[in-house]
PDB file of N, CA and C in Angstrom:
ATOM      1  N   MET A   1      19.218 139.637 253.894  1.00  0.00           N
ATOM      2  CA  MET A   1      19.669 138.406 254.527  1.00  0.00           C
ATOM      3  C   MET A   1      20.938 138.706 255.322  1.00  0.00           C
ATOM      4  N   HIS A   2      21.083 138.099 256.486  1.00  0.00           N
ATOM      5  CA  HIS A   2      22.180 138.369 257.398  1.00  0.00           C
ATOM      6  C   HIS A   2      23.296 137.359 257.301  1.00  0.00           C
ATOM      7  N   GLY A   3      23.587 136.865 256.170  1.00  0.00           N
ATOM      8  CA  GLY A   3      24.707 135.940 256.039  1.00  0.00           C
ATOM      9  C   GLY A   3      24.269 134.574 255.559  1.00  0.00           C
ATOM     10  N   ASP A   4      25.237 133.732 255.433  1.00  0.00           N
ATOM     11  CA  ASP A   4      25.024 132.368 254.967  1.00  0.00           C
ATOM     12  C   ASP A   4      24.204 131.585 255.987  1.00  0.00           C
ATOM     13  N   PRO A   5      23.192 130.854 255.541  1.00  0.00           N
ATOM     14  CA  PRO A   5      22.389 130.078 256.485  1.00  0.00           C
ATOM     15  C   PRO A   5      23.191 128.969 257.180  1.00  0.00           C
ATOM     16  N   ASP A   6      24.370 128.617 256.639  1.00  0.00           N
ATOM     17  CA  ASP A   6      25.180 127.554 257.259  1.00  0.00           C
ATOM     18  C   ASP A   6      26.415 128.140 257.944  1.00  0.00           C
ATOM     19  N   GLU A   7      26.278 129.331 258.550  1.00  0.00           N
ATOM     20  CA  GLU A   7      27.407 129.972 259.210  1.00  0.00           C
ATOM     21  C   GLU A   7      27.983 129.101 260.320  1.00  0.00           C
ATOM     22  N   ALA A   8      27.116 128.446 261.083  1.00  0.00           N
ATOM     23  CA  ALA A   8      27.591 127.601 262.185  1.00  0.00           C
ATOM     24  C   ALA A   8      28.403 126.431 261.638  1.00  0.00           C
ATOM     25  N   GLY A   9      27.946 125.836 260.557  1.00  0.00           N
ATOM     26  CA  GLY A   9      28.679 124.723 259.948  1.00  0.00           C
ATOM     27  C   GLY A   9      30.017 125.172 259.393  1.00  0.00           C
ATOM     28  N   ASP A  10      30.025 126.343 258.770  1.00  0.00           N
ATOM     29  CA  ASP A  10      31.278 126.883 258.246  1.00  0.00           C
ATOM     30  C   ASP A  10      32.257 127.182 259.375  1.00  0.00           C
ATOM     31  N   ALA A  11      31.759 127.747 260.466  1.00  0.00           N
ATOM     32  CA  ALA A  11      32.623 128.044 261.610  1.00  0.00           C
ATOM     33  C   ALA A  11      33.196 126.754 262.191  1.00  0.00           C
ATOM     34  N   THR A  12      32.388 125.727 262.255  1.00  0.00           N
ATOM     35  CA  THR A  12      32.867 124.441 262.779  1.00  0.00           C
ATOM     36  C   THR A  12      33.934 123.859 261.867  1.00  0.00           C
ATOM     37  N   ARG A  13      33.723 123.942 260.572  1.00  0.00           N
ATOM     38  CA  ARG A  13      34.725 123.443 259.629  1.00  0.00           C
ATOM     39  C   ARG A  13      36.033 124.222 259.759  1.00  0.00           C
ATOM     40  N   ARG A  14      35.936 125.538 259.869  1.00  0.00           N
ATOM     41  CA  ARG A  14      37.139 126.363 260.034  1.00  0.00           C
ATOM     42  C   ARG A  14      37.858 126.021 261.344  1.00  0.00           C
ATOM     43  N   THR A  15      37.097 125.748 262.377  1.00  0.00           N
ATOM     44  CA  THR A  15      37.695 125.394 263.663  1.00  0.00           C
ATOM     45  C   THR A  15      38.408 124.052 263.571  1.00  0.00           C
ATOM     46  N   HIS A  16      37.816 123.098 262.870  1.00  0.00           N
ATOM     47  CA  HIS A  16      38.479 121.801 262.660  1.00  0.00           C
ATOM     48  C   HIS A  16      39.771 121.976 261.854  1.00  0.00           C
ATOM     49  N   LEU A  17      39.732 122.836 260.846  1.00  0.00           N
ATOM     50  CA  LEU A  17      40.935 123.083 260.051  1.00  0.00           C
ATOM     51  C   LEU A  17      42.011 123.784 260.884  1.00  0.00           C
ATOM     52  N   ALA A  18      41.604 124.690 261.744  1.00  0.00           N
ATOM     53  CA  ALA A  18      42.566 125.338 262.640  1.00  0.00           C
ATOM     54  C   ALA A  18      43.189 124.312 263.577  1.00  0.00           C
ATOM     55  N   ASN A  19      42.394 123.373 264.052  1.00  0.00           N
ATOM     56  CA  ASN A  19      42.916 122.305 264.909  1.00  0.00           C
ATOM     57  C   ASN A  19      43.935 121.465 264.142  1.00  0.00           C
ATOM     58  N   GLU A  20      43.649 121.195 262.885  1.00  0.00           N
ATOM     59  CA  GLU A  20      44.588 120.426 262.066  1.00  0.00           C
ATOM     60  C   GLU A  20      45.894 121.199 261.858  1.00  0.00           C
ATOM     61  N   ARG A  21      45.798 122.496 261.611  1.00  0.00           N
ATOM     62  CA  ARG A  21      47.011 123.306 261.444  1.00  0.00           C
ATOM     63  C   ARG A  21      47.834 123.334 262.733  1.00  0.00           C
ATOM     64  N   THR A  22      47.146 123.415 263.853  1.00  0.00           N
ATOM     65  CA  THR A  22      47.847 123.410 265.136  1.00  0.00           C
ATOM     66  C   THR A  22      48.533 122.073 265.368  1.00  0.00           C
ATOM     67  N   TYR A  23      47.857 120.986 265.021  1.00  0.00           N
ATOM     68  CA  TYR A  23      48.446 119.645 265.123  1.00  0.00           C
ATOM     69  C   TYR A  23      49.747 119.579 264.305  1.00  0.00           C
ATOM     70  N   LEU A  24      49.687 120.089 263.097  1.00  0.00           N
ATOM     71  CA  LEU A  24      50.874 120.074 262.244  1.00  0.00           C
ATOM     72  C   LEU A  24      51.971 120.986 262.779  1.00  0.00           C
ATOM     73  N   ALA A  25      51.598 122.091 263.425  1.00  0.00           N
ATOM     74  CA  ALA A  25      52.597 122.977 264.034  1.00  0.00           C
ATOM     75  C   ALA A  25      53.319 122.263 265.177  1.00  0.00           C
ATOM     76  N   TRP A  26      52.584 121.503 265.997  1.00  0.00           N
ATOM     77  CA  TRP A  26      53.231 120.719 267.055  1.00  0.00           C
ATOM     78  C   TRP A  26      54.209 119.729 266.428  1.00  0.00           C
ATOM     79  N   TRP A  27      53.805 119.094 265.323  1.00  0.00           N
ATOM     80  CA  TRP A  27      54.685 118.152 264.625  1.00  0.00           C
ATOM     81  C   TRP A  27      55.939 118.854 264.105  1.00  0.00           C
ATOM     82  N   ARG A  28      55.767 120.014 263.472  1.00  0.00           N
ATOM     83  CA  ARG A  28      56.930 120.753 262.953  1.00  0.00           C
ATOM     84  C   ARG A  28      57.893 121.107 264.068  1.00  0.00           C
ATOM     85  N   THR A  29      57.354 121.507 265.186  1.00  0.00           N
ATOM     86  CA  THR A  29      58.205 121.841 266.324  1.00  0.00           C
ATOM     87  C   THR A  29      58.946 120.604 266.820  1.00  0.00           C
ATOM     88  N   GLY A  30      58.248 119.479 266.862  1.00  0.00           N
ATOM     89  CA  GLY A  30      58.890 118.230 267.264  1.00  0.00           C
ATOM     90  C   GLY A  30      59.991 117.823 266.302  1.00  0.00           C
ATOM     91  N   LEU A  31      59.720 117.937 265.020  1.00  0.00           N
ATOM     92  CA  LEU A  31      60.734 117.584 264.022  1.00  0.00           C
ATOM     93  C   LEU A  31      61.931 118.534 264.089  1.00  0.00           C
ATOM     94  N   ALA A  32      61.669 119.817 264.330  1.00  0.00           N
ATOM     95  CA  ALA A  32      62.771 120.771 264.483  1.00  0.00           C
ATOM     96  C   ALA A  32      63.627 120.411 265.691  1.00  0.00           C
ATOM     97  N   SER A  33      62.986 120.018 266.787  1.00  0.00           N
ATOM     98  CA  SER A  33      63.740 119.602 267.975  1.00  0.00           C
ATOM     99  C   SER A  33      64.577 118.362 267.691  1.00  0.00           C
ATOM    100  N   LEU A  34      64.044 117.441 266.919  1.00  0.00           N
ATOM    101  CA  LEU A  34      64.808 116.243 266.552  1.00  0.00           C
ATOM    102  C   LEU A  34      66.007 116.613 265.681  1.00  0.00           C
ATOM    103  N   ALA A  35      65.814 117.554 264.759  1.00  0.00           N
ATOM    104  CA  ALA A  35      66.931 118.002 263.921  1.00  0.00           C
ATOM    105  C   ALA A  35      68.002 118.690 264.766  1.00  0.00           C
ATOM    106  N   VAL A  36      67.575 119.501 265.725  1.00  0.00           N
ATOM    107  CA  VAL A  36      68.528 120.153 266.622  1.00  0.00           C
ATOM    108  C   VAL A  36      69.271 119.103 267.438  1.00  0.00           C
ATOM    109  N   SER A  37      68.584 118.035 267.805  1.00  0.00           N
ATOM    110  CA  SER A  37      69.242 116.979 268.596  1.00  0.00           C
ATOM    111  C   SER A  37      70.377 116.329 267.809  1.00  0.00           C
ATOM    112  N   VAL A  38      70.164 116.107 266.530  1.00  0.00           N
ATOM    113  CA  VAL A  38      71.217 115.512 265.698  1.00  0.00           C
ATOM    114  C   VAL A  38      72.384 116.496 265.558  1.00  0.00           C
ATOM    115  N   GLY A  39      72.061 117.756 265.309  1.00  0.00           N
ATOM    116  CA  GLY A  39      73.118 118.753 265.171  1.00  0.00           C
ATOM    117  C   GLY A  39      73.919 118.919 266.448  1.00  0.00           C
ATOM    118  N   THR A  40      73.204 119.008 267.558  1.00  0.00           N
ATOM    119  CA  THR A  40      73.871 119.236 268.838  1.00  0.00           C
ATOM    120  C   THR A  40      74.607 117.987 269.319  1.00  0.00           C
ATOM    121  N   GLY A  41      73.963 116.850 269.180  1.00  0.00           N
ATOM    122  CA  GLY A  41      74.521 115.620 269.753  1.00  0.00           C
ATOM    123  C   GLY A  41      75.524 114.892 268.885  1.00  0.00           C
ATOM    124  N   LYS A  42      75.467 115.100 267.580  1.00  0.00           N
ATOM    125  CA  LYS A  42      76.352 114.349 266.680  1.00  0.00           C
ATOM    126  C   LYS A  42      77.268 115.224 265.829  1.00  0.00           C
ATOM    127  N   LEU A  43      76.721 116.238 265.187  1.00  0.00           N
ATOM    128  CA  LEU A  43      77.514 117.031 264.249  1.00  0.00           C
ATOM    129  C   LEU A  43      78.495 117.965 264.951  1.00  0.00           C
ATOM    130  N   VAL A  44      78.022 118.706 265.939  1.00  0.00           N
ATOM    131  CA  VAL A  44      78.896 119.665 266.622  1.00  0.00           C
ATOM    132  C   VAL A  44      80.070 118.968 267.304  1.00  0.00           C
ATOM    133  N   PRO A  45      79.876 117.854 268.033  1.00  0.00           N
ATOM    134  CA  PRO A  45      81.036 117.205 268.653  1.00  0.00           C
ATOM    135  C   PRO A  45      82.080 116.751 267.639  1.00  0.00           C
ATOM    136  N   GLU A  46      81.643 116.339 266.465  1.00  0.00           N
ATOM    137  CA  GLU A  46      82.580 115.929 265.423  1.00  0.00           C
ATOM    138  C   GLU A  46      83.426 117.117 264.941  1.00  0.00           C
ATOM    139  N   LEU A  47      82.823 118.287 264.928  1.00  0.00           N
ATOM    140  CA  LEU A  47      83.528 119.480 264.461  1.00  0.00           C
ATOM    141  C   LEU A  47      84.453 120.080 265.523  1.00  0.00           C
ATOM    142  N   THR A  48      84.073 119.923 266.796  1.00  0.00           N
ATOM    143  CA  THR A  48      84.877 120.546 267.849  1.00  0.00           C
ATOM    144  C   THR A  48      86.082 119.705 268.246  1.00  0.00           C
ATOM    145  N   GLY A  49      85.948 118.389 268.190  1.00  0.00           N
ATOM    146  CA  GLY A  49      87.050 117.514 268.559  1.00  0.00           C
ATOM    147  C   GLY A  49      87.361 117.499 270.044  1.00  0.00           C
ATOM    148  N   GLY A  50      86.563 118.165 270.854  1.00  0.00           N
ATOM    149  CA  GLY A  50      86.796 118.200 272.292  1.00  0.00           C
ATOM    150  C   GLY A  50      85.943 117.169 273.017  1.00  0.00           C
ATOM    151  N   VAL A  51      85.615 117.495 274.251  1.00  0.00           N
ATOM    152  CA  VAL A  51      84.773 116.635 275.070  1.00  0.00           C
ATOM    153  C   VAL A  51      83.404 116.511 274.408  1.00  0.00           C
ATOM    154  N   GLN A  52      82.904 115.283 274.312  1.00  0.00           N
ATOM    155  CA  GLN A  52      81.658 115.060 273.580  1.00  0.00           C
ATOM    156  C   GLN A  52      80.429 114.879 274.468  1.00  0.00           C
ATOM    157  N   TRP A  53      80.610 114.408 275.697  1.00  0.00           N
ATOM    158  CA  TRP A  53      79.442 114.041 276.491  1.00  0.00           C
ATOM    159  C   TRP A  53      78.464 115.185 276.752  1.00  0.00           C
ATOM    160  N   PRO A  54      78.894 116.438 276.946  1.00  0.00           N
ATOM    161  CA  PRO A  54      77.893 117.496 277.152  1.00  0.00           C
ATOM    162  C   PRO A  54      77.000 117.704 275.922  1.00  0.00           C
ATOM    163  N   PHE A  55      77.592 117.556 274.737  1.00  0.00           N
ATOM    164  CA  PHE A  55      76.817 117.688 273.507  1.00  0.00           C
ATOM    165  C   PHE A  55      75.848 116.520 273.350  1.00  0.00           C
ATOM    166  N   THR A  56      76.295 115.348 273.759  1.00  0.00           N
ATOM    167  CA  THR A  56      75.422 114.169 273.707  1.00  0.00           C
ATOM    168  C   THR A  56      74.229 114.350 274.637  1.00  0.00           C
ATOM    169  N   VAL A  57      74.476 114.875 275.831  1.00  0.00           N
ATOM    170  CA  VAL A  57      73.389 115.129 276.784  1.00  0.00           C
ATOM    171  C   VAL A  57      72.402 116.147 276.200  1.00  0.00           C
ATOM    172  N   ALA A  58      72.927 117.235 275.652  1.00  0.00           N
ATOM    173  CA  ALA A  58      72.055 118.249 275.049  1.00  0.00           C
ATOM    174  C   ALA A  58      71.274 117.666 273.869  1.00  0.00           C
ATOM    175  N   GLY A  59      71.946 116.892 273.029  1.00  0.00           N
ATOM    176  CA  GLY A  59      71.267 116.277 271.887  1.00  0.00           C
ATOM    177  C   GLY A  59      70.167 115.333 272.326  1.00  0.00           C
ATOM    178  N   ALA A  60      70.439 114.527 273.348  1.00  0.00           N
ATOM    179  CA  ALA A  60      69.417 113.611 273.865  1.00  0.00           C
ATOM    180  C   ALA A  60      68.245 114.402 274.442  1.00  0.00           C
ATOM    181  N   GLY A  61      68.546 115.501 275.115  1.00  0.00           N
ATOM    182  CA  GLY A  61      67.478 116.342 275.667  1.00  0.00           C
ATOM    183  C   GLY A  61      66.581 116.906 274.582  1.00  0.00           C
ATOM    184  N   PHE A  62      67.189 117.393 273.511  1.00  0.00           N
ATOM    185  CA  PHE A  62      66.380 117.914 272.402  1.00  0.00           C
ATOM    186  C   PHE A  62      65.579 116.799 271.722  1.00  0.00           C
ATOM    187  N   ALA A  63      66.147 115.590 271.659  1.00  0.00           N
ATOM    188  CA  ALA A  63      65.402 114.472 271.082  1.00  0.00           C
ATOM    189  C   ALA A  63      64.177 114.146 271.943  1.00  0.00           C
ATOM    190  N   LEU A  64      64.361 114.116 273.256  1.00  0.00           N
ATOM    191  CA  LEU A  64      63.230 113.862 274.154  1.00  0.00           C
ATOM    192  C   LEU A  64      62.180 114.965 274.038  1.00  0.00           C
ATOM    193  N   LEU A  65      62.636 116.202 273.920  1.00  0.00           N
ATOM    194  CA  LEU A  65      61.713 117.316 273.745  1.00  0.00           C
ATOM    195  C   LEU A  65      60.915 117.154 272.444  1.00  0.00           C
ATOM    196  N   GLY A  66      61.594 116.766 271.361  1.00  0.00           N
ATOM    197  CA  GLY A  66      60.908 116.546 270.088  1.00  0.00           C
ATOM    198  C   GLY A  66      59.882 115.438 270.165  1.00  0.00           C
ATOM    199  N   ILE A  67      60.237 114.360 270.834  1.00  0.00           N
ATOM    200  CA  ILE A  67      59.297 113.245 271.014  1.00  0.00           C
ATOM    201  C   ILE A  67      58.083 113.705 271.813  1.00  0.00           C
ATOM    202  N   ALA A  68      58.317 114.509 272.852  1.00  0.00           N
ATOM    203  CA  ALA A  68      57.208 115.012 273.671  1.00  0.00           C
ATOM    204  C   ALA A  68      56.264 115.885 272.837  1.00  0.00           C
ATOM    205  N   PHE A  69      56.823 116.762 271.991  1.00  0.00           N
ATOM    206  CA  PHE A  69      55.987 117.598 271.132  1.00  0.00           C
ATOM    207  C   PHE A  69      55.117 116.747 270.210  1.00  0.00           C
ATOM    208  N   ILE A  70      55.706 115.736 269.598  1.00  0.00           N
ATOM    209  CA  ILE A  70      54.961 114.902 268.647  1.00  0.00           C
ATOM    210  C   ILE A  70      53.899 114.077 269.368  1.00  0.00           C
ATOM    211  N   ALA A  71      54.238 113.526 270.522  1.00  0.00           N
ATOM    212  CA  ALA A  71      53.259 112.742 271.281  1.00  0.00           C
ATOM    213  C   ALA A  71      52.098 113.617 271.741  1.00  0.00           C
ATOM    214  N   TYR A  72      52.413 114.811 272.224  1.00  0.00           N
ATOM    215  CA  TYR A  72      51.370 115.721 272.684  1.00  0.00           C
ATOM    216  C   TYR A  72      50.483 116.166 271.525  1.00  0.00           C
ATOM    217  N   ALA A  73      51.067 116.291 270.340  1.00  0.00           N
ATOM    218  CA  ALA A  73      50.293 116.715 269.165  1.00  0.00           C
ATOM    219  C   ALA A  73      49.096 115.802 268.940  1.00  0.00           C
ATOM    220  N   GLY A  74      49.333 114.501 268.967  1.00  0.00           N
ATOM    221  CA  GLY A  74      48.241 113.563 268.726  1.00  0.00           C
ATOM    222  C   GLY A  74      47.177 113.621 269.800  1.00  0.00           C
ATOM    223  N   MET A  75      47.619 113.675 271.056  1.00  0.00           N
ATOM    224  CA  MET A  75      46.681 113.729 272.163  1.00  0.00           C
ATOM    225  C   MET A  75      45.867 115.026 272.123  1.00  0.00           C
ATOM    226  N   ARG A  76      46.548 116.129 271.900  1.00  0.00           N
ATOM    227  CA  ARG A  76      45.873 117.431 271.866  1.00  0.00           C
ATOM    228  C   ARG A  76      44.888 117.509 270.699  1.00  0.00           C
ATOM    229  N   HIS A  77      45.299 116.999 269.546  1.00  0.00           N
ATOM    230  CA  HIS A  77      44.420 117.026 268.372  1.00  0.00           C
ATOM    231  C   HIS A  77      43.111 116.297 268.666  1.00  0.00           C
ATOM    232  N   ARG A  78      43.199 115.109 269.260  1.00  0.00           N
ATOM    233  CA  ARG A  78      41.990 114.337 269.575  1.00  0.00           C
ATOM    234  C   ARG A  78      41.122 115.057 270.601  1.00  0.00           C
ATOM    235  N   ARG A  79      41.736 115.605 271.635  1.00  0.00           N
ATOM    236  CA  ARG A  79      40.961 116.292 272.676  1.00  0.00           C
ATOM    237  C   ARG A  79      40.234 117.516 272.127  1.00  0.00           C
ATOM    238  N   VAL A  80      40.919 118.278 271.298  1.00  0.00           N
ATOM    239  CA  VAL A  80      40.290 119.470 270.723  1.00  0.00           C
ATOM    240  C   VAL A  80      39.181 119.058 269.760  1.00  0.00           C
ATOM    241  N   ARG A  81      39.430 118.045 268.947  1.00  0.00           N
ATOM    242  CA  ARG A  81      38.397 117.566 268.010  1.00  0.00           C
ATOM    243  C   ARG A  81      37.141 117.156 268.765  1.00  0.00           C
ATOM    244  N   ASP A  82      37.314 116.414 269.857  1.00  0.00           N
ATOM    245  CA  ASP A  82      36.165 115.973 270.645  1.00  0.00           C
ATOM    246  C   ASP A  82      35.464 117.149 271.319  1.00  0.00           C
ATOM    247  N   ALA A  83      36.235 118.137 271.780  1.00  0.00           N
ATOM    248  CA  ALA A  83      35.636 119.324 272.401  1.00  0.00           C
ATOM    249  C   ALA A  83      34.830 120.119 271.380  1.00  0.00           C
ATOM    250  N   ILE A  84      35.344 120.228 270.165  1.00  0.00           N
ATOM    251  CA  ILE A  84      34.615 120.936 269.104  1.00  0.00           C
ATOM    252  C   ILE A  84      33.285 120.234 268.853  1.00  0.00           C
ATOM    253  N   ALA A  85      33.314 118.918 268.805  1.00  0.00           N
ATOM    254  CA  ALA A  85      32.086 118.149 268.563  1.00  0.00           C
ATOM    255  C   ALA A  85      31.054 118.386 269.674  1.00  0.00           C
ATOM    256  N   ARG A  86      31.525 118.633 270.883  1.00  0.00           N
ATOM    257  CA  ARG A  86      30.612 118.897 272.018  1.00  0.00           C
ATOM    258  C   ARG A  86      30.247 120.377 272.117  1.00  0.00           C
ATOM    259  N   GLY A  87      30.860 121.213 271.268  1.00  0.00           N
ATOM    260  CA  GLY A  87      30.606 122.641 271.336  1.00  0.00           C
ATOM    261  C   GLY A  87      31.339 123.311 272.487  1.00  0.00           C
ATOM    262  N   GLU A  88      32.460 122.722 272.902  1.00  0.00           N
ATOM    263  CA  GLU A  88      33.222 123.233 274.026  1.00  0.00           C
ATOM    264  C   GLU A  88      34.621 123.628 273.574  1.00  0.00           C
ATOM    265  N   PHE A  89      35.401 124.141 274.532  1.00  0.00           N
ATOM    266  CA  PHE A  89      36.789 124.506 274.281  1.00  0.00           C
ATOM    267  C   PHE A  89      37.674 123.666 275.184  1.00  0.00           C
ATOM    268  N   GLU A  90      38.764 123.190 274.653  1.00  0.00           N
ATOM    269  CA  GLU A  90      39.717 122.383 275.417  1.00  0.00           C
ATOM    270  C   GLU A  90      40.985 123.190 275.644  1.00  0.00           C
ATOM    271  N   HIS A  91      41.241 123.534 276.888  1.00  0.00           N
ATOM    272  CA  HIS A  91      42.479 124.241 277.231  1.00  0.00           C
ATOM    273  C   HIS A  91      43.651 123.276 277.164  1.00  0.00           C
ATOM    274  N   PRO A  92      44.828 123.777 276.805  1.00  0.00           N
ATOM    275  CA  PRO A  92      46.009 122.902 276.843  1.00  0.00           C
ATOM    276  C   PRO A  92      46.320 122.519 278.286  1.00  0.00           C
ATOM    277  N   ASP A  93      47.000 121.415 278.443  1.00  0.00           N
ATOM    278  CA  ASP A  93      47.414 120.948 279.761  1.00  0.00           C
ATOM    279  C   ASP A  93      48.498 121.890 280.280  1.00  0.00           C
ATOM    280  N   GLU A  94      48.159 122.706 281.272  1.00  0.00           N
ATOM    281  CA  GLU A  94      49.084 123.729 281.776  1.00  0.00           C
ATOM    282  C   GLU A  94      50.364 123.117 282.326  1.00  0.00           C
ATOM    283  N   ALA A  95      50.255 122.004 283.013  1.00  0.00           N
ATOM    284  CA  ALA A  95      51.449 121.370 283.592  1.00  0.00           C
ATOM    285  C   ALA A  95      52.386 120.909 282.481  1.00  0.00           C
ATOM    286  N   PHE A  96      51.825 120.348 281.424  1.00  0.00           N
ATOM    287  CA  PHE A  96      52.654 119.859 280.324  1.00  0.00           C
ATOM    288  C   PHE A  96      53.296 121.021 279.568  1.00  0.00           C
ATOM    289  N   VAL A  97      52.515 122.058 279.299  1.00  0.00           N
ATOM    290  CA  VAL A  97      53.051 123.225 278.594  1.00  0.00           C
ATOM    291  C   VAL A  97      54.152 123.881 279.432  1.00  0.00           C
ATOM    292  N   THR A  98      53.943 123.940 280.734  1.00  0.00           N
ATOM    293  CA  THR A  98      54.975 124.481 281.621  1.00  0.00           C
ATOM    294  C   THR A  98      56.221 123.610 281.590  1.00  0.00           C
ATOM    295  N   ALA A  99      56.037 122.288 281.610  1.00  0.00           N
ATOM    296  CA  ALA A  99      57.179 121.370 281.546  1.00  0.00           C
ATOM    297  C   ALA A  99      57.959 121.555 280.244  1.00  0.00           C
ATOM    298  N   LEU A 100      57.247 121.755 279.134  1.00  0.00           N
ATOM    299  CA  LEU A 100      57.918 122.008 277.855  1.00  0.00           C
ATOM    300  C   LEU A 100      58.724 123.305 277.917  1.00  0.00           C
ATOM    301  N   ALA A 101      58.141 124.327 278.505  1.00  0.00           N
ATOM    302  CA  ALA A 101      58.836 125.611 278.608  1.00  0.00           C
ATOM    303  C   ALA A 101      60.083 125.495 279.483  1.00  0.00           C
ATOM    304  N   VAL A 102      59.967 124.781 280.587  1.00  0.00           N
ATOM    305  CA  VAL A 102      61.116 124.592 281.478  1.00  0.00           C
ATOM    306  C   VAL A 102      62.197 123.777 280.769  1.00  0.00           C
ATOM    307  N   ALA A 103      61.792 122.681 280.120  1.00  0.00           N
ATOM    308  CA  ALA A 103      62.765 121.843 279.415  1.00  0.00           C
ATOM    309  C   ALA A 103      63.462 122.631 278.307  1.00  0.00           C
ATOM    310  N   GLY A 104      62.692 123.388 277.522  1.00  0.00           N
ATOM    311  CA  GLY A 104      63.288 124.185 276.452  1.00  0.00           C
ATOM    312  C   GLY A 104      64.234 125.248 276.985  1.00  0.00           C
ATOM    313  N   THR A 105      63.857 125.872 278.085  1.00  0.00           N
ATOM    314  CA  THR A 105      64.717 126.889 278.699  1.00  0.00           C
ATOM    315  C   THR A 105      66.013 126.274 279.200  1.00  0.00           C
ATOM    316  N   LEU A 106      65.905 125.137 279.895  1.00  0.00           N
ATOM    317  CA  LEU A 106      67.108 124.481 280.411  1.00  0.00           C
ATOM    318  C   LEU A 106      68.023 124.013 279.281  1.00  0.00           C
ATOM    319  N   LEU A 107      67.433 123.457 278.230  1.00  0.00           N
ATOM    320  CA  LEU A 107      68.247 123.028 277.088  1.00  0.00           C
ATOM    321  C   LEU A 107      68.895 124.232 276.406  1.00  0.00           C
ATOM    322  N   GLY A 108      68.159 125.321 276.297  1.00  0.00           N
ATOM    323  CA  GLY A 108      68.737 126.534 275.724  1.00  0.00           C
ATOM    324  C   GLY A 108      69.901 127.059 276.549  1.00  0.00           C
ATOM    325  N   LEU A 109      69.745 127.027 277.868  1.00  0.00           N
ATOM    326  CA  LEU A 109      70.839 127.458 278.743  1.00  0.00           C
ATOM    327  C   LEU A 109      72.042 126.529 278.630  1.00  0.00           C
ATOM    328  N   LEU A 110      71.786 125.224 278.497  1.00  0.00           N
ATOM    329  CA  LEU A 110      72.880 124.269 278.315  1.00  0.00           C
ATOM    330  C   LEU A 110      73.634 124.551 277.015  1.00  0.00           C
ATOM    331  N   VAL A 111      72.896 124.806 275.948  1.00  0.00           N
ATOM    332  CA  VAL A 111      73.546 125.117 274.672  1.00  0.00           C
ATOM    333  C   VAL A 111      74.331 126.422 274.787  1.00  0.00           C
ATOM    334  N   LEU A 112      73.754 127.418 275.450  1.00  0.00           N
ATOM    335  CA  LEU A 112      74.483 128.674 275.663  1.00  0.00           C
ATOM    336  C   LEU A 112      75.785 128.415 276.418  1.00  0.00           C
ATOM    337  N   LEU A 113      75.732 127.621 277.448  1.00  0.00           N
ATOM    338  CA  LEU A 113      76.923 127.280 278.214  1.00  0.00           C
ATOM    339  C   LEU A 113      77.948 126.557 277.335  1.00  0.00           C
ATOM    340  N   LEU A 114      77.489 125.620 276.517  1.00  0.00           N
ATOM    341  CA  LEU A 114      78.401 124.905 275.629  1.00  0.00           C
ATOM    342  C   LEU A 114      79.045 125.846 274.617  1.00  0.00           C
ATOM    343  N   VAL A 115      78.269 126.786 274.112  1.00  0.00           N
ATOM    344  CA  VAL A 115      78.815 127.753 273.154  1.00  0.00           C
ATOM    345  C   VAL A 115      79.889 128.617 273.814  1.00  0.00           C
ATOM    346  N   LEU A 116      79.656 128.965 275.060  1.00  0.00           N
ATOM    347  CA  LEU A 116      80.591 129.860 275.752  1.00  0.00           C
ATOM    348  C   LEU A 116      81.859 129.168 276.233  1.00  0.00           C
ATOM    349  N   VAL A 117      81.776 127.884 276.604  1.00  0.00           N
ATOM    350  CA  VAL A 117      82.938 127.254 277.211  1.00  0.00           C
ATOM    351  C   VAL A 117      83.579 126.135 276.381  1.00  0.00           C
ATOM    352  N   ALA A 118      82.844 125.563 275.450  1.00  0.00           N
ATOM    353  CA  ALA A 118      83.395 124.431 274.688  1.00  0.00           C
ATOM    354  C   ALA A 118      84.343 124.930 273.594  1.00  0.00           C
ATOM    355  N   ARG A 119      85.344 124.098 273.343  1.00  0.00           N
ATOM    356  CA  ARG A 119      86.277 124.422 272.261  1.00  0.00           C
ATOM    357  C   ARG A 119      85.958 123.559 271.059  1.00  0.00           C
TER     358      ARG A 119
END
């Protein structure tokens, strides 16, 4: 015998579970961004005692990034689930993924700048 007679069903179940893990990874990333937003926007300015508005801007940016990750998680999860049901593959939205990369890079550069120049 060449394997389990329900190999296709098992593969589909594993694919659904992988989709669920990916959904949760998007959520974890979103929650991490929200935590960074609190640290950057609220905690660090309290510790530095200097100008606060750049930290507030960075914190708000990380909060928006976290919200975007969580919102995309739900949309992506549904699209992939539906594609699996059709026996197809759903590519991520390239424009959105690029926007996330640009936003994360810009926020990272802002934090680097704050680390280098803020007292």
